[in-house]
Each structure stands twice: as C-alpha cells, then as structure tokens.
Amino acid sequence: MTRTSVRKFKDTAVEKEKIETILRAGMAAPLAVNKQPWHFVVVTDREILDKIAQYRSPLAIVVCGDMNKLVPMGKEWWITDISLASENMLLAAHALGLGSIWTALYPLQDYMKNASKLLNLPDNLVPLNVLIFGYTDQIALPKDKWNPENVSYNSYGNKE
C-alpha cells in the first residue's frame, strides 16, 4: 500500500536487470487458461518515449494483448490477464526503488492507433496501456483509499 503513481522522473536510465525483473514479474501474473496473451514493447529511445509516454521518463513498457492467443470461451479475458500483468510490473518496479504510472490506451481508438503505428505493431497486437517507469524526482505519497462503504460481507449491503 506504499506504491503510488509518479509523474516526474529523473533522466537516469533504468538498468537492464531491473527492466528484466519488471518483465518477469508481469509474466508471473495469474491468468486465464495460461494463454499468456501478452506482448511487451520496451521503449527506451528518447524520440519514441516523447511520443508515446504522457510523462517524461527514461522507460516505458507498452503492454499489448495478442489477439492470436484468445481463449475461445472468454475472448475478453485478455483484458484482465494484461491488467494483472501490468499491476505486477508496477509493484515490481516499486520494490526495485522505481516510480511508475499506468496510462491508458485501450479503449481509446485514436490513442491505440497512434501507438500501433509508432511501434509498428502487427494487427494481432492491441495496445492496452503504457506503463511509465523511472527513478522518482518527486515526493509522491500514497493515498489512503480505504472506504468500508464499498465492502459487503456475504451479500450486498451486509456490513458484518
């Protein structure tokens, strides 16, 4: 509960070992029927970063769903699978001392189209989000989002 979204980063490059750890964490996420419907595009090129990342950072990972790996009985499960992988990567980055933020692409068609073109994605890859990483250049305190009104026990409305 100490991870928070970071929007300001130092220009310091993220080490390749940390990038691989982040990717491994993403691939360790739980998923439906082990289809692993993901593809990760690691972006470190400054020119591409300036076009793809909403915040200036040394690293972005575009998390894509591979439509060739869909589960027949749950074609939309890829969104959950990719989201779980994304959260794992955000948590791994935090554990490694990096800041991060999730920025959405899907379902915003113009954003998705621009990212696909910029990254030369094949038609079977759908970009879900851009995860932005780097060494924090701000003090970012997590918000306490606990609200017991959003919790029921055993049936809706039951508070205990």
N, C-alpha and C. Protein backbone atom coordinates (compact mmCIF):
# COMPACT_ATOMS: atom_id res chain seq x y z
N MET A 1 0.81 -1.20 0.00
CA MET A 1 0.00 0.00 0.00
C MET A 1 0.85 1.26 0.00
N THR A 2 2.15 1.11 -0.27
CA THR A 2 3.02 2.27 -0.34
C THR A 2 3.30 2.69 -1.78
N ARG A 3 2.87 1.91 -2.76
CA ARG A 3 3.06 2.28 -4.17
C ARG A 3 2.07 3.37 -4.53
N THR A 4 2.53 4.32 -5.31
CA THR A 4 1.66 5.39 -5.78
C THR A 4 2.08 5.78 -7.19
N SER A 5 1.24 6.48 -7.89
CA SER A 5 1.57 6.94 -9.23
C SER A 5 2.55 8.10 -9.16
N VAL A 6 3.58 8.00 -9.98
CA VAL A 6 4.63 9.02 -10.04
C VAL A 6 4.57 9.66 -11.42
N ARG A 7 4.67 10.97 -11.46
CA ARG A 7 4.55 11.70 -12.72
C ARG A 7 5.80 12.50 -13.09
N LYS A 8 6.80 12.44 -12.24
CA LYS A 8 8.04 13.20 -12.51
C LYS A 8 9.22 12.29 -12.23
N PHE A 9 10.09 12.16 -13.23
CA PHE A 9 11.20 11.21 -13.16
C PHE A 9 12.52 11.89 -13.47
N LYS A 10 13.58 11.34 -12.91
CA LYS A 10 14.94 11.77 -13.24
C LYS A 10 15.29 11.22 -14.62
N ASP A 11 16.33 11.80 -15.24
CA ASP A 11 16.76 11.34 -16.56
C ASP A 11 17.63 10.08 -16.48
N THR A 12 17.84 9.56 -15.30
CA THR A 12 18.69 8.39 -15.09
C THR A 12 18.08 7.16 -15.76
N ALA A 13 18.86 6.47 -16.57
CA ALA A 13 18.38 5.26 -17.24
C ALA A 13 18.10 4.16 -16.22
N VAL A 14 17.12 3.33 -16.53
CA VAL A 14 16.80 2.17 -15.70
C VAL A 14 17.67 1.01 -16.19
N GLU A 15 18.32 0.34 -15.25
CA GLU A 15 19.23 -0.75 -15.58
C GLU A 15 18.49 -1.90 -16.25
N LYS A 16 19.18 -2.58 -17.20
CA LYS A 16 18.59 -3.70 -17.94
C LYS A 16 18.13 -4.81 -17.01
N GLU A 17 18.88 -5.04 -15.93
CA GLU A 17 18.49 -6.09 -14.98
C GLU A 17 17.14 -5.76 -14.34
N LYS A 18 16.93 -4.49 -14.03
CA LYS A 18 15.66 -4.09 -13.43
C LYS A 18 14.52 -4.19 -14.45
N ILE A 19 14.81 -3.85 -15.69
CA ILE A 19 13.79 -3.98 -16.74
C ILE A 19 13.38 -5.44 -16.88
N GLU A 20 14.36 -6.34 -16.88
CA GLU A 20 14.03 -7.76 -17.00
C GLU A 20 13.23 -8.24 -15.78
N THR A 21 13.58 -7.78 -14.61
CA THR A 21 12.82 -8.17 -13.41
C THR A 21 11.38 -7.71 -13.51
N ILE A 22 11.17 -6.51 -14.00
CA ILE A 22 9.82 -5.97 -14.18
C ILE A 22 9.05 -6.84 -15.18
N LEU A 23 9.69 -7.19 -16.28
CA LEU A 23 9.03 -8.03 -17.29
C LEU A 23 8.72 -9.42 -16.74
N ARG A 24 9.65 -9.98 -15.99
CA ARG A 24 9.43 -11.30 -15.39
C ARG A 24 8.24 -11.26 -14.42
N ALA A 25 8.14 -10.17 -13.67
CA ALA A 25 7.00 -10.01 -12.75
C ALA A 25 5.69 -9.97 -13.53
N GLY A 26 5.69 -9.27 -14.65
CA GLY A 26 4.49 -9.22 -15.49
C GLY A 26 4.10 -10.60 -15.98
N MET A 27 5.08 -11.38 -16.39
CA MET A 27 4.81 -12.72 -16.92
C MET A 27 4.49 -13.73 -15.83
N ALA A 28 4.65 -13.34 -14.57
CA ALA A 28 4.30 -14.22 -13.45
C ALA A 28 2.86 -14.01 -12.98
N ALA A 29 2.14 -13.12 -13.63
CA ALA A 29 0.77 -12.79 -13.21
C ALA A 29 -0.16 -13.98 -13.40
N PRO A 30 -1.20 -14.06 -12.56
CA PRO A 30 -2.22 -15.09 -12.79
C PRO A 30 -2.99 -14.76 -14.07
N LEU A 31 -3.47 -15.80 -14.74
CA LEU A 31 -4.19 -15.56 -15.98
C LEU A 31 -5.12 -16.72 -16.32
N ALA A 32 -6.00 -16.47 -17.25
CA ALA A 32 -7.00 -17.46 -17.65
C ALA A 32 -6.37 -18.51 -18.57
N VAL A 33 -6.48 -19.74 -18.22
CA VAL A 33 -6.11 -20.89 -19.04
C VAL A 33 -4.66 -20.83 -19.53
N ASN A 34 -3.82 -20.09 -18.87
CA ASN A 34 -2.39 -19.97 -19.19
C ASN A 34 -2.11 -19.65 -20.65
N LYS A 35 -2.94 -18.86 -21.29
CA LYS A 35 -2.73 -18.49 -22.69
C LYS A 35 -1.62 -17.45 -22.87
N GLN A 36 -1.30 -16.73 -21.81
CA GLN A 36 -0.26 -15.70 -21.85
C GLN A 36 -0.45 -14.76 -23.06
N PRO A 37 -1.60 -14.08 -23.11
CA PRO A 37 -1.94 -13.28 -24.29
C PRO A 37 -1.29 -11.90 -24.30
N TRP A 38 -0.02 -11.85 -23.95
CA TRP A 38 0.63 -10.55 -23.85
C TRP A 38 1.84 -10.44 -24.75
N HIS A 39 2.15 -9.21 -25.04
CA HIS A 39 3.42 -8.86 -25.67
C HIS A 39 3.80 -7.50 -25.10
N PHE A 40 5.05 -7.38 -24.70
CA PHE A 40 5.54 -6.15 -24.07
C PHE A 40 6.53 -5.46 -25.00
N VAL A 41 6.30 -4.20 -25.28
CA VAL A 41 7.23 -3.42 -26.09
C VAL A 41 7.96 -2.47 -25.14
N VAL A 42 9.24 -2.72 -24.94
CA VAL A 42 10.08 -1.91 -24.06
C VAL A 42 10.58 -0.72 -24.87
N VAL A 43 10.35 0.48 -24.35
CA VAL A 43 10.74 1.69 -25.07
C VAL A 43 11.73 2.48 -24.22
N THR A 44 12.95 2.66 -24.77
CA THR A 44 13.97 3.48 -24.12
C THR A 44 14.47 4.59 -25.04
N ASP A 45 14.10 4.54 -26.30
CA ASP A 45 14.50 5.55 -27.28
C ASP A 45 13.79 6.87 -26.97
N ARG A 46 14.58 7.93 -26.78
CA ARG A 46 14.03 9.22 -26.36
C ARG A 46 12.98 9.76 -27.33
N GLU A 47 13.21 9.62 -28.61
CA GLU A 47 12.27 10.14 -29.60
C GLU A 47 10.92 9.42 -29.51
N ILE A 48 10.96 8.11 -29.36
CA ILE A 48 9.72 7.34 -29.23
C ILE A 48 9.05 7.63 -27.89
N LEU A 49 9.86 7.68 -26.81
CA LEU A 49 9.30 7.99 -25.48
C LEU A 49 8.54 9.31 -25.49
N ASP A 50 9.11 10.31 -26.14
CA ASP A 50 8.46 11.62 -26.17
C ASP A 50 7.11 11.58 -26.88
N LYS A 51 6.93 10.60 -27.77
CA LYS A 51 5.67 10.48 -28.49
C LYS A 51 4.68 9.54 -27.82
N ILE A 52 5.18 8.57 -27.06
CA ILE A 52 4.30 7.54 -26.51
C ILE A 52 3.96 7.76 -25.04
N ALA A 53 4.88 8.35 -24.29
CA ALA A 53 4.70 8.49 -22.84
C ALA A 53 4.13 9.85 -22.49
N GLN A 54 3.13 9.85 -21.68
CA GLN A 54 2.48 11.09 -21.27
C GLN A 54 3.39 11.93 -20.36
N TYR A 55 4.28 11.25 -19.63
CA TYR A 55 5.19 11.92 -18.72
C TYR A 55 6.61 11.61 -19.15
N ARG A 56 7.50 12.59 -19.06
CA ARG A 56 8.89 12.39 -19.49
C ARG A 56 9.59 11.43 -18.53
N SER A 57 10.09 10.33 -19.09
CA SER A 57 10.74 9.30 -18.30
C SER A 57 11.77 8.58 -19.17
N PRO A 58 12.65 7.78 -18.55
CA PRO A 58 13.64 7.06 -19.33
C PRO A 58 13.16 5.70 -19.84
N LEU A 59 11.96 5.27 -19.41
CA LEU A 59 11.49 3.93 -19.76
C LEU A 59 9.98 3.88 -19.80
N ALA A 60 9.47 3.23 -20.83
CA ALA A 60 8.05 2.91 -20.91
C ALA A 60 7.93 1.48 -21.42
N ILE A 61 6.91 0.80 -20.97
CA ILE A 61 6.59 -0.51 -21.50
C ILE A 61 5.15 -0.46 -21.97
N VAL A 62 4.97 -0.71 -23.26
CA VAL A 62 3.63 -0.75 -23.82
C VAL A 62 3.16 -2.20 -23.71
N VAL A 63 2.07 -2.38 -22.99
CA VAL A 63 1.54 -3.71 -22.71
C VAL A 63 0.41 -3.98 -23.71
N CYS A 64 0.61 -5.03 -24.50
CA CYS A 64 -0.32 -5.34 -25.57
C CYS A 64 -0.97 -6.71 -25.37
N GLY A 65 -2.17 -6.83 -25.88
CA GLY A 65 -2.85 -8.12 -25.92
C GLY A 65 -2.66 -8.73 -27.29
N ASP A 66 -2.34 -10.01 -27.31
CA ASP A 66 -2.14 -10.74 -28.57
C ASP A 66 -3.45 -11.45 -28.92
N MET A 67 -4.14 -10.95 -29.92
CA MET A 67 -5.44 -11.49 -30.30
C MET A 67 -5.34 -12.90 -30.89
N ASN A 68 -4.14 -13.35 -31.20
CA ASN A 68 -3.95 -14.73 -31.67
C ASN A 68 -3.94 -15.72 -30.51
N LYS A 69 -3.96 -15.22 -29.29
CA LYS A 69 -3.90 -16.09 -28.11
C LYS A 69 -5.15 -15.99 -27.25
N LEU A 70 -6.27 -15.67 -27.84
CA LEU A 70 -7.51 -15.53 -27.08
C LEU A 70 -8.06 -16.89 -26.68
N VAL A 71 -8.72 -16.91 -25.53
CA VAL A 71 -9.40 -18.11 -25.04
C VAL A 71 -10.77 -18.15 -25.71
N PRO A 72 -11.11 -19.22 -26.44
CA PRO A 72 -12.38 -19.26 -27.18
C PRO A 72 -13.61 -18.97 -26.32
N MET A 73 -13.67 -19.50 -25.09
CA MET A 73 -14.87 -19.30 -24.28
C MET A 73 -14.84 -17.99 -23.50
N GLY A 74 -13.75 -17.23 -23.59
CA GLY A 74 -13.65 -15.96 -22.88
C GLY A 74 -12.78 -14.98 -23.64
N LYS A 75 -13.28 -14.56 -24.79
CA LYS A 75 -12.47 -13.72 -25.69
C LYS A 75 -12.01 -12.41 -25.05
N GLU A 76 -12.74 -11.90 -24.06
CA GLU A 76 -12.36 -10.64 -23.42
C GLU A 76 -11.48 -10.84 -22.19
N TRP A 77 -11.17 -12.07 -21.85
CA TRP A 77 -10.32 -12.33 -20.69
C TRP A 77 -8.94 -11.71 -20.84
N TRP A 78 -8.51 -11.48 -22.07
CA TRP A 78 -7.19 -10.91 -22.28
C TRP A 78 -7.04 -9.58 -21.55
N ILE A 79 -8.11 -8.82 -21.43
CA ILE A 79 -8.03 -7.51 -20.77
C ILE A 79 -7.67 -7.70 -19.29
N THR A 80 -8.29 -8.68 -18.65
CA THR A 80 -7.97 -8.97 -17.25
C THR A 80 -6.54 -9.50 -17.14
N ASP A 81 -6.18 -10.43 -18.02
CA ASP A 81 -4.82 -11.00 -17.98
C ASP A 81 -3.76 -9.92 -18.12
N ILE A 82 -3.95 -9.03 -19.07
CA ILE A 82 -2.97 -7.97 -19.32
C ILE A 82 -2.96 -6.97 -18.16
N SER A 83 -4.11 -6.71 -17.59
CA SER A 83 -4.18 -5.79 -16.45
C SER A 83 -3.45 -6.37 -15.24
N LEU A 84 -3.61 -7.67 -15.00
CA LEU A 84 -2.89 -8.31 -13.90
C LEU A 84 -1.39 -8.25 -14.12
N ALA A 85 -0.95 -8.50 -15.35
CA ALA A 85 0.47 -8.40 -15.66
C ALA A 85 0.97 -6.98 -15.43
N SER A 86 0.17 -6.00 -15.82
CA SER A 86 0.55 -4.60 -15.65
C SER A 86 0.72 -4.25 -14.18
N GLU A 87 -0.24 -4.67 -13.35
CA GLU A 87 -0.14 -4.38 -11.92
C GLU A 87 1.08 -5.06 -11.31
N ASN A 88 1.36 -6.30 -11.71
CA ASN A 88 2.57 -6.97 -11.22
C ASN A 88 3.82 -6.16 -11.56
N MET A 89 3.86 -5.60 -12.75
CA MET A 89 5.03 -4.82 -13.17
C MET A 89 5.16 -3.53 -12.37
N LEU A 90 4.03 -2.89 -12.09
CA LEU A 90 4.06 -1.67 -11.28
C LEU A 90 4.56 -1.97 -9.87
N LEU A 91 4.10 -3.07 -9.29
CA LEU A 91 4.53 -3.45 -7.95
C LEU A 91 6.01 -3.86 -7.93
N ALA A 92 6.46 -4.55 -8.96
CA ALA A 92 7.87 -4.94 -9.05
C ALA A 92 8.76 -3.70 -9.13
N ALA A 93 8.35 -2.74 -9.93
CA ALA A 93 9.13 -1.51 -10.07
C ALA A 93 9.24 -0.81 -8.71
N HIS A 94 8.16 -0.75 -7.99
CA HIS A 94 8.16 -0.12 -6.66
C HIS A 94 9.14 -0.86 -5.74
N ALA A 95 9.10 -2.17 -5.77
CA ALA A 95 10.01 -2.97 -4.93
C ALA A 95 11.47 -2.75 -5.31
N LEU A 96 11.71 -2.38 -6.57
CA LEU A 96 13.07 -2.13 -7.05
C LEU A 96 13.51 -0.68 -6.84
N GLY A 97 12.67 0.13 -6.21
CA GLY A 97 13.03 1.52 -5.95
C GLY A 97 12.71 2.48 -7.08
N LEU A 98 11.85 2.05 -8.00
CA LEU A 98 11.47 2.89 -9.14
C LEU A 98 10.07 3.44 -8.94
N GLY A 99 9.81 4.57 -9.56
CA GLY A 99 8.47 5.11 -9.61
C GLY A 99 7.81 4.65 -10.91
N SER A 100 6.48 4.72 -10.94
CA SER A 100 5.77 4.29 -12.14
C SER A 100 4.37 4.89 -12.18
N ILE A 101 3.78 4.81 -13.36
CA ILE A 101 2.39 5.21 -13.53
C ILE A 101 1.81 4.44 -14.71
N TRP A 102 0.54 4.09 -14.59
CA TRP A 102 -0.23 3.43 -15.65
C TRP A 102 -0.92 4.52 -16.44
N THR A 103 -0.79 4.50 -17.76
CA THR A 103 -1.56 5.41 -18.61
C THR A 103 -2.31 4.56 -19.63
N ALA A 104 -3.55 4.87 -19.83
CA ALA A 104 -4.44 4.04 -20.66
C ALA A 104 -4.29 4.35 -22.14
N LEU A 105 -4.44 3.32 -22.94
CA LEU A 105 -4.61 3.44 -24.39
C LEU A 105 -5.99 2.89 -24.76
N TYR A 106 -6.22 1.64 -24.37
CA TYR A 106 -7.49 0.95 -24.63
C TYR A 106 -8.56 1.48 -23.71
N PRO A 107 -9.75 1.76 -24.18
CA PRO A 107 -10.34 1.54 -25.50
C PRO A 107 -10.36 2.79 -26.38
N LEU A 108 -9.44 3.71 -26.13
CA LEU A 108 -9.41 4.97 -26.89
C LEU A 108 -8.79 4.72 -28.27
N GLN A 109 -9.64 4.60 -29.27
CA GLN A 109 -9.21 4.16 -30.59
C GLN A 109 -8.08 5.01 -31.19
N ASP A 110 -8.15 6.32 -31.06
CA ASP A 110 -7.10 7.18 -31.62
C ASP A 110 -5.76 6.92 -30.93
N TYR A 111 -5.77 6.78 -29.62
CA TYR A 111 -4.54 6.50 -28.86
C TYR A 111 -3.96 5.16 -29.27
N MET A 112 -4.84 4.16 -29.39
CA MET A 112 -4.40 2.83 -29.77
C MET A 112 -3.79 2.83 -31.18
N LYS A 113 -4.45 3.52 -32.08
CA LYS A 113 -3.99 3.58 -33.47
C LYS A 113 -2.63 4.28 -33.55
N ASN A 114 -2.48 5.38 -32.82
CA ASN A 114 -1.21 6.11 -32.83
C ASN A 114 -0.07 5.26 -32.26
N ALA A 115 -0.33 4.57 -31.15
CA ALA A 115 0.69 3.70 -30.55
C ALA A 115 1.04 2.56 -31.49
N SER A 116 0.05 1.96 -32.09
CA SER A 116 0.29 0.84 -33.02
C SER A 116 1.17 1.28 -34.18
N LYS A 117 0.87 2.44 -34.72
CA LYS A 117 1.65 2.95 -35.85
C LYS A 117 3.08 3.28 -35.41
N LEU A 118 3.21 3.98 -34.32
CA LEU A 118 4.53 4.39 -33.83
C LEU A 118 5.43 3.19 -33.55
N LEU A 119 4.85 2.11 -33.01
CA LEU A 119 5.64 0.95 -32.61
C LEU A 119 5.63 -0.16 -33.66
N ASN A 120 5.02 0.09 -34.81
CA ASN A 120 4.94 -0.91 -35.89
C ASN A 120 4.31 -2.21 -35.42
N LEU A 121 3.25 -2.12 -34.62
CA LEU A 121 2.61 -3.32 -34.10
C LEU A 121 1.84 -4.04 -35.21
N PRO A 122 1.93 -5.36 -35.25
CA PRO A 122 1.10 -6.11 -36.20
C PRO A 122 -0.36 -6.03 -35.78
N ASP A 123 -1.26 -6.35 -36.68
CA ASP A 123 -2.69 -6.23 -36.43
C ASP A 123 -3.18 -7.07 -35.25
N ASN A 124 -2.48 -8.17 -34.93
CA ASN A 124 -2.94 -9.03 -33.84
C ASN A 124 -2.61 -8.48 -32.46
N LEU A 125 -1.79 -7.43 -32.36
CA LEU A 125 -1.45 -6.85 -31.07
C LEU A 125 -2.27 -5.59 -30.81
N VAL A 126 -2.97 -5.59 -29.67
CA VAL A 126 -3.79 -4.45 -29.26
C VAL A 126 -3.13 -3.81 -28.04
N PRO A 127 -2.67 -2.56 -28.16
CA PRO A 127 -2.05 -1.90 -27.01
C PRO A 127 -3.08 -1.51 -25.95
N LEU A 128 -2.90 -2.03 -24.74
CA LEU A 128 -3.82 -1.76 -23.64
C LEU A 128 -3.41 -0.52 -22.86
N ASN A 129 -2.11 -0.43 -22.55
CA ASN A 129 -1.65 0.69 -21.74
C ASN A 129 -0.17 0.96 -21.98
N VAL A 130 0.26 2.09 -21.47
CA VAL A 130 1.68 2.43 -21.43
C VAL A 130 2.04 2.56 -19.96
N LEU A 131 2.96 1.71 -19.51
CA LEU A 131 3.48 1.82 -18.15
C LEU A 131 4.76 2.62 -18.22
N ILE A 132 4.84 3.64 -17.40
CA ILE A 132 5.98 4.56 -17.42
C ILE A 132 6.77 4.34 -16.14
N PHE A 133 8.10 4.22 -16.29
CA PHE A 133 8.98 3.90 -15.17
C PHE A 133 10.18 4.84 -15.12
N GLY A 134 10.73 4.98 -13.93
CA GLY A 134 11.97 5.71 -13.78
C GLY A 134 12.25 5.97 -12.31
N TYR A 135 13.39 6.59 -12.09
CA TYR A 135 13.74 6.99 -10.73
C TYR A 135 12.97 8.26 -10.40
N THR A 136 12.32 8.25 -9.28
CA THR A 136 11.41 9.32 -8.88
C THR A 136 12.14 10.64 -8.67
N ASP A 137 11.55 11.70 -9.20
CA ASP A 137 12.07 13.04 -9.00
C ASP A 137 10.99 13.91 -8.35
N GLN A 138 10.24 13.29 -7.43
CA GLN A 138 9.19 14.00 -6.70
C GLN A 138 8.89 13.22 -5.43
N ILE A 139 8.27 13.88 -4.52
CA ILE A 139 7.77 13.18 -3.34
C ILE A 139 6.31 12.83 -3.65
N ALA A 140 6.06 11.54 -3.72
CA ALA A 140 4.71 11.07 -4.04
C ALA A 140 4.24 10.19 -2.90
N LEU A 141 3.26 10.67 -2.18
CA LEU A 141 2.73 9.92 -1.05
C LEU A 141 1.48 9.16 -1.48
N PRO A 142 1.38 7.89 -1.08
CA PRO A 142 0.19 7.12 -1.44
C PRO A 142 -1.05 7.67 -0.76
N LYS A 143 -2.18 7.49 -1.42
CA LYS A 143 -3.46 7.92 -0.87
C LYS A 143 -4.09 6.75 -0.13
N ASP A 144 -4.73 7.03 0.97
CA ASP A 144 -5.49 6.01 1.68
C ASP A 144 -6.87 5.95 1.03
N LYS A 145 -7.12 4.92 0.27
CA LYS A 145 -8.37 4.80 -0.47
C LYS A 145 -9.36 3.87 0.22
N TRP A 146 -9.06 3.45 1.44
CA TRP A 146 -9.94 2.55 2.17
C TRP A 146 -11.28 3.22 2.41
N ASN A 147 -12.35 2.53 2.02
CA ASN A 147 -13.70 3.02 2.25
C ASN A 147 -14.58 1.82 2.56
N PRO A 148 -14.92 1.61 3.83
CA PRO A 148 -15.73 0.46 4.20
C PRO A 148 -17.11 0.44 3.56
N GLU A 149 -17.58 1.58 3.04
CA GLU A 149 -18.87 1.63 2.36
C GLU A 149 -18.85 0.83 1.06
N ASN A 150 -17.66 0.55 0.55
CA ASN A 150 -17.52 -0.21 -0.69
C ASN A 150 -17.38 -1.71 -0.45
N VAL A 151 -17.65 -2.16 0.77
CA VAL A 151 -17.49 -3.56 1.13
C VAL A 151 -18.77 -4.11 1.72
N SER A 152 -19.16 -5.29 1.23
CA SER A 152 -20.27 -6.04 1.81
C SER A 152 -19.75 -7.43 2.16
N TYR A 153 -20.38 -8.07 3.13
CA TYR A 153 -19.99 -9.41 3.55
C TYR A 153 -21.13 -10.38 3.28
N ASN A 154 -20.87 -11.38 2.49
CA ASN A 154 -21.78 -12.47 2.15
C ASN A 154 -22.95 -12.09 1.26
N SER A 155 -23.41 -10.87 1.30
CA SER A 155 -24.42 -10.38 0.36
C SER A 155 -24.37 -8.85 0.37
N TYR A 156 -24.85 -8.26 -0.72
CA TYR A 156 -24.78 -6.81 -0.85
C TYR A 156 -25.49 -6.12 0.31
N GLY A 157 -24.81 -5.12 0.86
CA GLY A 157 -25.39 -4.32 1.92
C GLY A 157 -25.12 -4.83 3.31
N ASN A 158 -24.68 -6.07 3.44
CA ASN A 158 -24.39 -6.64 4.75
C ASN A 158 -23.01 -6.15 5.19
N LYS A 159 -22.95 -5.39 6.26
CA LYS A 159 -21.70 -4.77 6.70
C LYS A 159 -20.89 -5.62 7.66
N GLU A 160 -21.40 -6.72 8.14
CA GLU A 160 -20.63 -7.59 9.05
C GLU A 160 -21.05 -9.02 8.88
